[in-house]
Amino acid sequence: MHHRRSTATALAAVLLPLAATLTSCGFDAPTDRVNTIAAGVNNREGSVDVLGARVVAWADGQGRLIGALAYNDNDATKPATLTGVTGEGITAVVPQGIEVDPGKGLNLASDDVAPIAVEGDFAAGEVITVTLAFSTDETASVDTPVVKPCRQYSDILAPDFAAEAGEESEAPEAEESEAPAEESETDDTYLCDHPTVAVEGHE
């Protein structure tokens, strides 16, 4: 389509840096086999493409949605805004102002883009269905791999999950400070040198 060809330059500017980091490391290591599609998952069904979708998780149930958005409607007079992210068993906090100009692209993993925090029932090695809603009255669903913040994902900034949950836990901070140390001795799932077990059908 003509409108997709005309956005090629803009998309290259967004996706080439993303692809460079994704291909800089091999995917044969056990910790990387969870990434059945190295560059994530794509949905090109609407006027806003969702490209390379992944959730980077720092712990069970805590992650950040990354990937790229590309708005292919060159006749539009205003940007397409990401208005929501939903999925079974998950909640997501979408910051205001995540928008893509017509004919342009946006890298959700960029340090200049506020993180989309995702919490819920998921862990590294799983694939979860995430639906993105846009101001264009369109939605895009993607079966999204959950990966650890290792190797090509090591520079991804984590959302402030405590801030998203509110300020209710300020008082017991001292008591909880020892808990992570105990967990790290019994659960190595999110250590980069620990193999990630892929879910059945996604090896």
Protein backbone atom coordinates (compact mmCIF):
# COMPACT_ATOMS: atom_id res chain seq x y z
CA MET A 1 0.00 0.00 0.00
CA HIS A 2 1.14 3.53 -0.75
CA HIS A 3 0.63 4.80 2.79
CA ARG A 4 2.82 2.01 4.18
CA ARG A 5 5.63 2.69 1.70
CA SER A 6 5.69 6.35 2.63
CA THR A 7 6.31 5.50 6.28
CA ALA A 8 9.29 3.27 5.56
CA THR A 9 11.89 5.90 6.40
CA ALA A 10 10.23 6.77 9.69
CA LEU A 11 9.90 3.12 10.64
CA ALA A 12 13.54 2.44 9.83
CA ALA A 13 14.58 5.19 12.21
CA VAL A 14 12.62 3.51 15.00
CA LEU A 15 13.18 -0.15 14.24
CA LEU A 16 16.83 -0.28 13.15
CA PRO A 17 18.23 0.65 16.59
CA LEU A 18 15.82 -1.85 18.12
CA ALA A 19 16.85 -4.57 15.69
CA ALA A 20 20.53 -3.85 16.28
CA THR A 21 20.23 -4.59 19.97
CA LEU A 22 18.13 -7.67 19.32
CA THR A 23 20.61 -9.18 16.89
CA SER A 24 23.73 -8.24 18.82
CA CYS A 25 23.49 -11.42 20.87
CA GLY A 26 22.77 -15.00 19.80
CA PHE A 27 19.54 -16.73 20.69
CA ASP A 28 20.88 -20.24 21.16
CA ALA A 29 21.65 -19.85 24.85
CA PRO A 30 19.11 -21.55 27.15
CA THR A 31 18.14 -18.22 28.72
CA ASP A 32 17.17 -16.87 25.29
CA ARG A 33 15.15 -19.77 23.94
CA VAL A 34 12.02 -18.26 25.46
CA ASN A 35 12.21 -15.64 22.69
CA THR A 36 10.47 -17.72 20.03
CA ILE A 37 10.45 -14.60 17.84
CA ALA A 38 13.65 -12.68 18.53
CA ALA A 39 12.16 -9.32 17.65
CA GLY A 40 8.87 -9.93 19.43
CA VAL A 41 5.41 -10.18 17.88
CA ASN A 42 3.76 -7.98 15.22
CA ASN A 43 0.19 -6.92 14.50
CA ARG A 44 -0.36 -4.98 11.26
CA GLU A 45 -4.15 -5.29 11.01
CA GLY A 46 -5.04 -1.66 11.73
CA SER A 47 -3.79 1.80 10.90
CA VAL A 48 -1.42 1.57 13.88
CA ASP A 49 1.10 -1.26 13.58
CA VAL A 50 2.31 -2.93 16.78
CA LEU A 51 5.80 -4.26 16.10
CA GLY A 52 8.15 -6.38 18.20
CA ALA A 53 5.90 -6.58 21.25
CA ARG A 54 7.42 -8.09 24.38
CA VAL A 55 7.01 -7.79 28.13
CA VAL A 56 10.30 -7.45 29.98
CA ALA A 57 9.77 -8.87 33.49
CA TRP A 58 11.94 -8.22 36.55
CA ALA A 59 9.90 -10.58 38.76
CA ASP A 60 6.80 -12.74 38.50
CA GLY A 61 3.90 -10.46 37.68
CA GLN A 62 5.94 -7.27 37.17
CA GLY A 63 7.04 -6.12 33.73
CA ARG A 64 7.19 -3.42 31.08
CA LEU A 65 5.58 -3.57 27.66
CA ILE A 66 8.04 -2.70 24.90
CA GLY A 67 8.04 -2.72 21.11
CA ALA A 68 7.28 -0.12 18.47
CA LEU A 69 4.18 1.63 17.17
CA ALA A 70 3.82 2.92 13.60
CA TYR A 71 0.92 5.10 12.44
CA ASN A 72 0.30 4.45 8.75
CA ASP A 73 -2.55 6.88 8.08
CA ASN A 74 -0.78 9.71 6.28
CA ASP A 75 -4.07 11.53 5.77
CA ALA A 76 -4.72 11.83 9.50
CA THR A 77 -4.72 15.32 10.97
CA LYS A 78 -3.70 14.37 14.50
CA PRO A 79 -1.57 11.71 16.22
CA ALA A 80 -2.80 8.27 17.22
CA THR A 81 -2.75 7.98 21.01
CA LEU A 82 -2.34 4.76 22.99
CA THR A 83 -5.37 4.81 25.29
CA GLY A 84 -5.21 1.45 27.02
CA VAL A 85 -3.49 -1.91 27.44
CA THR A 86 -5.51 -4.88 28.66
CA GLY A 87 -5.29 -8.64 28.92
CA GLU A 88 -6.65 -11.57 30.89
CA GLY A 89 -5.13 -11.62 34.37
CA ILE A 90 -3.11 -8.44 33.89
CA THR A 91 -3.40 -4.74 34.57
CA ALA A 92 -1.40 -2.02 32.87
CA VAL A 93 -0.74 1.64 33.59
CA VAL A 94 -0.51 3.61 30.35
CA PRO A 95 1.07 7.04 30.90
CA GLN A 96 -0.53 10.02 29.20
CA GLY A 97 1.05 11.33 26.04
CA ILE A 98 2.09 8.10 24.30
CA GLU A 99 1.20 9.12 20.76
CA VAL A 100 2.43 8.59 17.22
CA ASP A 101 2.28 11.22 14.50
CA PRO A 102 0.87 10.24 11.07
CA GLY A 103 3.55 8.52 9.00
CA LYS A 104 5.85 8.18 12.01
CA GLY A 105 6.98 5.52 14.47
CA LEU A 106 7.57 5.34 18.23
CA ASN A 107 9.89 3.00 20.14
CA LEU A 108 8.22 2.08 23.46
CA ALA A 109 11.59 0.94 24.84
CA SER A 110 13.14 4.38 24.44
CA ASP A 111 14.32 6.21 27.54
CA ASP A 112 12.32 9.18 26.27
CA VAL A 113 9.03 7.27 26.49
CA ALA A 114 7.35 6.79 29.87
CA PRO A 115 7.30 3.05 30.74
CA ILE A 116 4.09 1.06 30.40
CA ALA A 117 3.96 -0.94 33.63
CA VAL A 118 2.28 -4.34 33.40
CA GLU A 119 1.37 -6.42 36.46
CA GLY A 120 -0.54 -9.65 36.86
CA ASP A 121 -0.39 -13.39 36.39
CA PHE A 122 2.71 -14.01 34.25
CA ALA A 123 6.35 -15.05 34.51
CA ALA A 124 9.43 -15.19 32.30
CA GLY A 125 9.08 -17.88 29.66
CA GLU A 126 5.34 -17.43 29.21
CA VAL A 127 3.35 -15.85 26.40
CA ILE A 128 0.45 -13.57 27.32
CA THR A 129 -2.20 -11.98 25.10
CA VAL A 130 -2.06 -8.20 25.30
CA THR A 131 -4.55 -5.87 23.61
CA LEU A 132 -3.60 -2.28 22.83
CA ALA A 133 -6.34 0.32 22.26
CA PHE A 134 -5.85 3.53 20.30
CA SER A 135 -7.64 6.83 19.82
CA THR A 136 -8.39 5.68 16.27
CA ASP A 137 -11.09 3.40 17.78
CA GLU A 138 -8.96 0.39 16.81
CA THR A 139 -7.44 -2.35 18.93
CA ALA A 140 -4.51 -4.67 18.28
CA SER A 141 -4.01 -7.97 20.10
CA VAL A 142 -0.62 -9.66 20.26
CA ASP A 143 0.53 -12.92 21.86
CA THR A 144 3.44 -11.38 23.71
CA PRO A 145 6.54 -13.22 24.97
CA VAL A 146 7.63 -12.48 28.55
CA VAL A 147 11.42 -12.12 28.73
CA LYS A 148 13.98 -11.38 31.43
CA PRO A 149 15.93 -8.07 31.53
CA CYS A 150 19.11 -9.76 30.32
CA ARG A 151 21.48 -9.33 27.38
CA GLN A 152 19.67 -7.32 24.69
CA TYR A 153 17.08 -6.24 27.28
CA SER A 154 19.55 -5.28 30.03
CA ASP A 155 19.31 -1.54 29.30
CA ILE A 156 15.52 -1.41 29.46
CA LEU A 157 14.43 0.81 32.36
CA ALA A 158 12.01 -0.75 34.84
CA PRO A 159 8.79 1.06 35.78
CA ASP A 160 8.41 2.26 39.36
CA PHE A 161 6.01 -0.47 40.47
CA ALA A 162 5.87 0.89 44.03
CA ALA A 163 4.73 4.27 42.76
CA GLU A 164 2.10 2.66 40.54
CA ALA A 165 0.72 0.77 43.54
CA GLY A 166 0.49 3.98 45.61
CA GLU A 167 2.22 5.19 48.74
CA GLU A 168 0.55 2.76 51.14
CA SER A 169 3.73 0.77 51.88
CA GLU A 170 6.03 3.53 53.16
CA ALA A 171 5.76 2.62 56.85
CA PRO A 172 6.81 -1.08 56.75
CA GLU A 173 9.82 -0.35 54.54
CA ALA A 174 12.37 -1.42 57.18
CA GLU A 175 10.70 -4.79 57.80
CA GLU A 176 10.48 -5.61 54.10
CA SER A 177 14.11 -4.75 53.35
CA GLU A 178 15.33 -8.23 54.26
CA ALA A 179 12.70 -10.11 52.24
CA PRO A 180 14.36 -9.80 48.80
CA ALA A 181 17.58 -11.33 50.15
CA GLU A 182 15.69 -14.40 51.33
CA GLU A 183 13.86 -14.74 48.02
CA SER A 184 17.06 -14.55 45.99
CA GLU A 185 18.39 -17.62 47.79
CA THR A 186 15.39 -19.73 46.82
CA ASP A 187 14.27 -18.31 43.46
CA ASP A 188 16.88 -17.80 40.74
CA THR A 189 14.36 -17.46 37.92
CA TYR A 190 15.34 -13.92 37.01
CA LEU A 191 19.10 -14.35 37.21
CA CYS A 192 20.56 -13.96 33.74
CA ASP A 193 22.64 -17.14 33.96
CA HIS A 194 19.65 -19.21 35.08
CA PRO A 195 17.88 -21.16 32.28
CA THR A 196 14.36 -20.01 31.51
CA VAL A 197 11.87 -22.80 31.00
CA ALA A 198 9.70 -21.99 27.99
CA VAL A 199 6.02 -22.84 28.19
CA GLU A 200 4.80 -25.78 26.13
CA GLY A 201 4.47 -24.88 22.47
CA HIS A 202 6.81 -21.87 22.71
CA GLU A 203 10.28 -23.40 22.79
